[in-house]
Amino acid sequence: MTATVNRRSAIIPIPALTDENDTALTFGALITPTWTLTTDKGKVINLRENVALTALYVVLTGADTDLYDNNPRRKLTIKATYTSATYGVLNLNTEFEFNINNLVGA
């Protein structure tokens, strides 16, 4: 996913997460899901590292969407485990990119 969100206010929907057979996973199937917000260079933003994921979206506020080093690019990493009918417990690790729209007056 590459999307654009407005500075100082953003809800990031998480695209479909799938298992090893490309079958969509429900939120309830995820075991201990977390998210981390970084710049495209890997710098953690606003201490948002391994934050508990409570829904299939992430709400970013305040400094979460500030520009760092004049760089509007962000990465949202989702980590969890799930139970596969074939292989048992498997790791899920995926990443989405988006850009911050620096609104005038924000």
N, C-alpha and C. Protein backbone atom coordinates (compact mmCIF):
# COMPACT_ATOMS: atom_id res chain seq x y z
N MET A 1 0.84 -1.17 0.00
CA MET A 1 0.00 0.00 0.00
C MET A 1 0.89 1.23 0.00
N THR A 2 0.64 2.16 -0.89
CA THR A 2 1.24 3.47 -0.81
C THR A 2 0.10 4.47 -0.85
N ALA A 3 -0.10 5.18 0.24
CA ALA A 3 -1.20 6.12 0.35
C ALA A 3 -0.65 7.44 0.86
N THR A 4 -1.51 8.45 0.88
CA THR A 4 -1.16 9.75 1.44
C THR A 4 -2.14 10.06 2.55
N VAL A 5 -1.63 10.50 3.69
CA VAL A 5 -2.47 10.88 4.82
C VAL A 5 -2.13 12.31 5.22
N ASN A 6 -3.10 13.01 5.78
CA ASN A 6 -2.88 14.39 6.18
C ASN A 6 -2.14 14.48 7.50
N ARG A 7 -1.24 15.46 7.59
CA ARG A 7 -0.47 15.68 8.80
C ARG A 7 -1.40 16.03 9.96
N ARG A 8 -1.08 15.55 11.14
CA ARG A 8 -1.76 15.80 12.41
C ARG A 8 -3.06 15.03 12.59
N SER A 9 -3.47 14.22 11.61
CA SER A 9 -4.68 13.45 11.78
C SER A 9 -4.73 12.36 10.72
N ALA A 10 -4.76 11.11 11.12
CA ALA A 10 -4.78 10.05 10.13
C ALA A 10 -5.25 8.73 10.72
N ILE A 11 -6.07 8.03 9.97
CA ILE A 11 -6.43 6.65 10.29
C ILE A 11 -5.89 5.82 9.15
N ILE A 12 -5.05 4.86 9.46
CA ILE A 12 -4.43 4.02 8.45
C ILE A 12 -5.13 2.66 8.47
N PRO A 13 -5.96 2.37 7.45
CA PRO A 13 -6.56 1.03 7.39
C PRO A 13 -5.49 0.02 6.97
N ILE A 14 -5.53 -1.13 7.55
CA ILE A 14 -4.56 -2.18 7.21
C ILE A 14 -5.18 -3.05 6.12
N PRO A 15 -4.51 -3.11 4.95
CA PRO A 15 -5.03 -3.96 3.89
C PRO A 15 -5.13 -5.41 4.35
N ALA A 16 -5.83 -6.21 3.60
CA ALA A 16 -6.06 -7.61 3.96
C ALA A 16 -4.75 -8.32 4.31
N LEU A 17 -4.75 -8.96 5.46
CA LEU A 17 -3.63 -9.81 5.87
C LEU A 17 -4.01 -11.23 5.50
N THR A 18 -3.07 -11.96 4.92
CA THR A 18 -3.39 -13.30 4.43
C THR A 18 -2.46 -14.34 5.01
N ASP A 19 -2.94 -15.59 5.00
CA ASP A 19 -2.12 -16.70 5.49
C ASP A 19 -1.26 -17.25 4.35
N GLU A 20 -0.64 -18.39 4.59
CA GLU A 20 0.27 -18.98 3.61
C GLU A 20 -0.42 -19.43 2.34
N ASN A 21 -1.76 -19.50 2.35
CA ASN A 21 -2.53 -19.88 1.17
C ASN A 21 -3.24 -18.68 0.53
N ASP A 22 -2.86 -17.48 0.94
CA ASP A 22 -3.48 -16.23 0.49
C ASP A 22 -4.95 -16.12 0.90
N THR A 23 -5.32 -16.79 1.96
CA THR A 23 -6.66 -16.68 2.52
C THR A 23 -6.64 -15.55 3.55
N ALA A 24 -7.64 -14.66 3.50
CA ALA A 24 -7.69 -13.52 4.42
C ALA A 24 -7.76 -14.00 5.87
N LEU A 25 -6.98 -13.33 6.72
CA LEU A 25 -7.01 -13.59 8.15
C LEU A 25 -7.93 -12.58 8.83
N THR A 26 -8.76 -13.03 9.74
CA THR A 26 -9.56 -12.11 10.53
C THR A 26 -8.70 -11.55 11.66
N PHE A 27 -9.13 -10.44 12.23
CA PHE A 27 -8.38 -9.88 13.34
C PHE A 27 -8.29 -10.88 14.49
N GLY A 28 -9.37 -11.62 14.72
CA GLY A 28 -9.39 -12.59 15.80
C GLY A 28 -8.41 -13.74 15.62
N ALA A 29 -7.96 -13.97 14.38
CA ALA A 29 -6.99 -15.04 14.12
C ALA A 29 -5.57 -14.64 14.46
N LEU A 30 -5.33 -13.35 14.66
CA LEU A 30 -3.98 -12.85 14.95
C LEU A 30 -3.66 -13.03 16.42
N ILE A 31 -2.47 -13.53 16.70
CA ILE A 31 -2.00 -13.74 18.07
C ILE A 31 -0.98 -12.65 18.38
N THR A 32 -1.23 -11.86 19.41
CA THR A 32 -0.36 -10.78 19.86
C THR A 32 0.10 -9.88 18.71
N PRO A 33 -0.83 -9.27 17.96
CA PRO A 33 -0.42 -8.38 16.87
C PRO A 33 0.11 -7.04 17.38
N THR A 34 1.16 -6.55 16.75
CA THR A 34 1.74 -5.25 17.10
C THR A 34 2.02 -4.45 15.83
N TRP A 35 2.22 -3.15 16.02
CA TRP A 35 2.61 -2.29 14.90
C TRP A 35 3.75 -1.38 15.32
N THR A 36 4.56 -1.00 14.33
CA THR A 36 5.68 -0.08 14.53
C THR A 36 5.64 0.95 13.41
N LEU A 37 5.85 2.22 13.76
CA LEU A 37 5.87 3.31 12.79
C LEU A 37 7.29 3.83 12.65
N THR A 38 7.79 3.87 11.42
CA THR A 38 9.15 4.35 11.17
C THR A 38 9.19 5.26 9.94
N THR A 39 10.30 5.98 9.81
CA THR A 39 10.56 6.67 8.56
C THR A 39 10.94 5.60 7.54
N ASP A 40 11.05 5.99 6.29
CA ASP A 40 11.46 5.00 5.28
C ASP A 40 12.90 4.54 5.48
N LYS A 41 13.64 5.23 6.36
CA LYS A 41 15.02 4.84 6.67
C LYS A 41 15.11 3.97 7.93
N GLY A 42 13.95 3.70 8.58
CA GLY A 42 13.93 2.82 9.74
C GLY A 42 13.95 3.50 11.10
N LYS A 43 13.93 4.84 11.15
CA LYS A 43 13.92 5.56 12.42
C LYS A 43 12.52 5.48 13.02
N VAL A 44 12.41 4.99 14.26
CA VAL A 44 11.12 4.86 14.94
C VAL A 44 10.56 6.26 15.22
N ILE A 45 9.28 6.43 14.92
CA ILE A 45 8.60 7.71 15.09
C ILE A 45 7.82 7.72 16.40
N ASN A 46 8.02 8.76 17.21
CA ASN A 46 7.19 9.03 18.39
C ASN A 46 7.04 7.82 19.33
N LEU A 47 8.10 7.05 19.48
CA LEU A 47 8.11 5.87 20.36
C LEU A 47 7.08 4.82 19.96
N ARG A 48 6.65 4.82 18.70
CA ARG A 48 5.63 3.87 18.23
C ARG A 48 6.31 2.58 17.75
N GLU A 49 6.77 1.81 18.68
CA GLU A 49 7.44 0.54 18.37
C GLU A 49 6.78 -0.58 19.16
N ASN A 50 6.37 -1.62 18.45
CA ASN A 50 5.71 -2.78 19.06
C ASN A 50 4.48 -2.39 19.90
N VAL A 51 3.66 -1.52 19.33
CA VAL A 51 2.42 -1.08 19.96
C VAL A 51 1.35 -2.14 19.71
N ALA A 52 0.57 -2.48 20.72
CA ALA A 52 -0.48 -3.49 20.55
C ALA A 52 -1.48 -3.03 19.49
N LEU A 53 -1.77 -3.91 18.56
CA LEU A 53 -2.76 -3.64 17.51
C LEU A 53 -4.11 -4.10 18.04
N THR A 54 -5.10 -3.20 18.05
CA THR A 54 -6.40 -3.52 18.64
C THR A 54 -7.53 -3.62 17.61
N ALA A 55 -7.21 -3.34 16.35
CA ALA A 55 -8.19 -3.41 15.25
C ALA A 55 -7.40 -3.48 13.95
N LEU A 56 -8.09 -3.63 12.85
CA LEU A 56 -7.39 -3.67 11.55
C LEU A 56 -7.22 -2.27 10.97
N TYR A 57 -6.90 -1.33 11.84
CA TYR A 57 -6.52 0.02 11.45
C TYR A 57 -5.67 0.60 12.58
N VAL A 58 -4.90 1.63 12.25
CA VAL A 58 -4.06 2.31 13.23
C VAL A 58 -4.42 3.78 13.19
N VAL A 59 -4.64 4.38 14.36
CA VAL A 59 -4.92 5.81 14.45
C VAL A 59 -3.63 6.53 14.79
N LEU A 60 -3.23 7.46 13.91
CA LEU A 60 -2.04 8.26 14.14
C LEU A 60 -2.48 9.66 14.52
N THR A 61 -1.83 10.24 15.53
CA THR A 61 -2.17 11.58 15.98
C THR A 61 -0.92 12.37 16.30
N GLY A 62 -1.05 13.68 16.37
CA GLY A 62 0.03 14.55 16.82
C GLY A 62 1.36 14.27 16.15
N ALA A 63 2.37 14.01 16.96
CA ALA A 63 3.73 13.84 16.47
C ALA A 63 3.92 12.59 15.60
N ASP A 64 2.92 11.70 15.60
CA ASP A 64 3.02 10.52 14.72
C ASP A 64 3.17 10.92 13.26
N THR A 65 2.59 12.06 12.90
CA THR A 65 2.62 12.48 11.50
C THR A 65 3.49 13.71 11.27
N ASP A 66 4.31 14.09 12.24
CA ASP A 66 5.26 15.18 12.03
C ASP A 66 6.29 14.76 10.98
N LEU A 67 6.82 15.75 10.28
CA LEU A 67 7.87 15.46 9.31
C LEU A 67 9.22 15.41 10.03
N TYR A 68 9.98 14.38 9.77
CA TYR A 68 11.32 14.24 10.34
C TYR A 68 12.32 14.31 9.20
N ASP A 69 13.32 15.17 9.35
CA ASP A 69 14.34 15.35 8.32
C ASP A 69 13.70 15.70 6.97
N ASN A 70 12.60 16.47 7.00
CA ASN A 70 11.86 16.85 5.79
C ASN A 70 11.47 15.66 4.94
N ASN A 71 11.23 14.53 5.57
CA ASN A 71 10.91 13.30 4.86
C ASN A 71 9.46 12.90 5.14
N PRO A 72 8.57 12.96 4.13
CA PRO A 72 7.18 12.60 4.35
C PRO A 72 6.89 11.10 4.29
N ARG A 73 7.86 10.28 3.94
CA ARG A 73 7.62 8.85 3.75
C ARG A 73 7.65 8.11 5.09
N ARG A 74 6.67 7.20 5.28
CA ARG A 74 6.56 6.41 6.50
C ARG A 74 6.36 4.94 6.15
N LYS A 75 6.73 4.09 7.09
CA LYS A 75 6.46 2.66 6.98
C LYS A 75 5.72 2.22 8.24
N LEU A 76 4.68 1.43 8.04
CA LEU A 76 3.93 0.83 9.13
C LEU A 76 4.16 -0.67 9.05
N THR A 77 4.80 -1.22 10.07
CA THR A 77 5.11 -2.65 10.10
C THR A 77 4.15 -3.34 11.05
N ILE A 78 3.56 -4.43 10.58
CA ILE A 78 2.64 -5.23 11.39
C ILE A 78 3.31 -6.58 11.65
N LYS A 79 3.34 -7.00 12.92
CA LYS A 79 3.87 -8.30 13.29
C LYS A 79 2.85 -9.03 14.15
N ALA A 80 2.73 -10.33 13.92
CA ALA A 80 1.83 -11.17 14.70
C ALA A 80 2.19 -12.62 14.42
N THR A 81 1.48 -13.51 15.07
CA THR A 81 1.52 -14.92 14.71
C THR A 81 0.08 -15.35 14.49
N TYR A 82 -0.10 -16.47 13.81
CA TYR A 82 -1.42 -17.05 13.61
C TYR A 82 -1.25 -18.56 13.52
N THR A 83 -2.33 -19.29 13.69
CA THR A 83 -2.26 -20.74 13.65
C THR A 83 -2.73 -21.25 12.29
N SER A 84 -1.82 -21.90 11.59
CA SER A 84 -2.11 -22.49 10.29
C SER A 84 -2.64 -23.91 10.51
N ALA A 85 -3.67 -24.28 9.74
CA ALA A 85 -4.21 -25.64 9.84
C ALA A 85 -3.17 -26.66 9.39
N THR A 86 -2.26 -26.24 8.53
CA THR A 86 -1.25 -27.16 7.98
C THR A 86 0.06 -27.16 8.76
N TYR A 87 0.53 -25.96 9.15
CA TYR A 87 1.88 -25.84 9.69
C TYR A 87 1.96 -25.42 11.17
N GLY A 88 0.82 -25.26 11.83
CA GLY A 88 0.85 -24.82 13.23
C GLY A 88 1.03 -23.31 13.31
N VAL A 89 1.69 -22.84 14.33
CA VAL A 89 1.87 -21.40 14.56
C VAL A 89 2.92 -20.85 13.59
N LEU A 90 2.52 -19.81 12.84
CA LEU A 90 3.41 -19.15 11.87
C LEU A 90 3.52 -17.67 12.18
N ASN A 91 4.65 -17.08 11.78
CA ASN A 91 4.86 -15.64 11.94
C ASN A 91 4.25 -14.88 10.78
N LEU A 92 3.73 -13.72 11.07
CA LEU A 92 3.24 -12.77 10.07
C LEU A 92 4.05 -11.50 10.26
N ASN A 93 4.66 -11.00 9.21
CA ASN A 93 5.46 -9.79 9.26
C ASN A 93 5.27 -9.07 7.93
N THR A 94 4.57 -7.93 7.96
CA THR A 94 4.30 -7.21 6.72
C THR A 94 4.47 -5.71 6.94
N GLU A 95 4.65 -4.99 5.85
CA GLU A 95 4.96 -3.57 5.92
C GLU A 95 4.16 -2.81 4.86
N PHE A 96 3.68 -1.62 5.22
CA PHE A 96 2.95 -0.75 4.30
C PHE A 96 3.62 0.61 4.29
N GLU A 97 3.66 1.25 3.15
CA GLU A 97 4.25 2.58 3.04
C GLU A 97 3.17 3.62 2.79
N PHE A 98 3.38 4.81 3.32
CA PHE A 98 2.49 5.93 3.03
C PHE A 98 3.27 7.23 3.15
N ASN A 99 2.69 8.30 2.64
CA ASN A 99 3.31 9.63 2.68
C ASN A 99 2.46 10.56 3.53
N ILE A 100 3.12 11.53 4.18
CA ILE A 100 2.45 12.54 4.98
C ILE A 100 2.22 13.78 4.11
N ASN A 101 0.98 14.23 4.04
CA ASN A 101 0.63 15.45 3.33
C ASN A 101 0.74 16.60 4.31
N ASN A 102 1.72 17.49 4.11
CA ASN A 102 1.98 18.59 5.02
C ASN A 102 1.02 19.74 4.71
N LEU A 103 -0.14 19.74 5.35
CA LEU A 103 -1.15 20.76 5.11
C LEU A 103 -0.68 22.13 5.61
N VAL A 104 -1.06 23.18 4.90
CA VAL A 104 -0.76 24.53 5.34
C VAL A 104 -1.47 24.77 6.66
N GLY A 105 -0.73 25.21 7.66
CA GLY A 105 -1.31 25.49 8.97
C GLY A 105 -1.38 24.30 9.90
N ALA A 106 -0.95 23.13 9.46
CA ALA A 106 -1.01 21.95 10.33
C ALA A 106 0.19 21.90 11.25
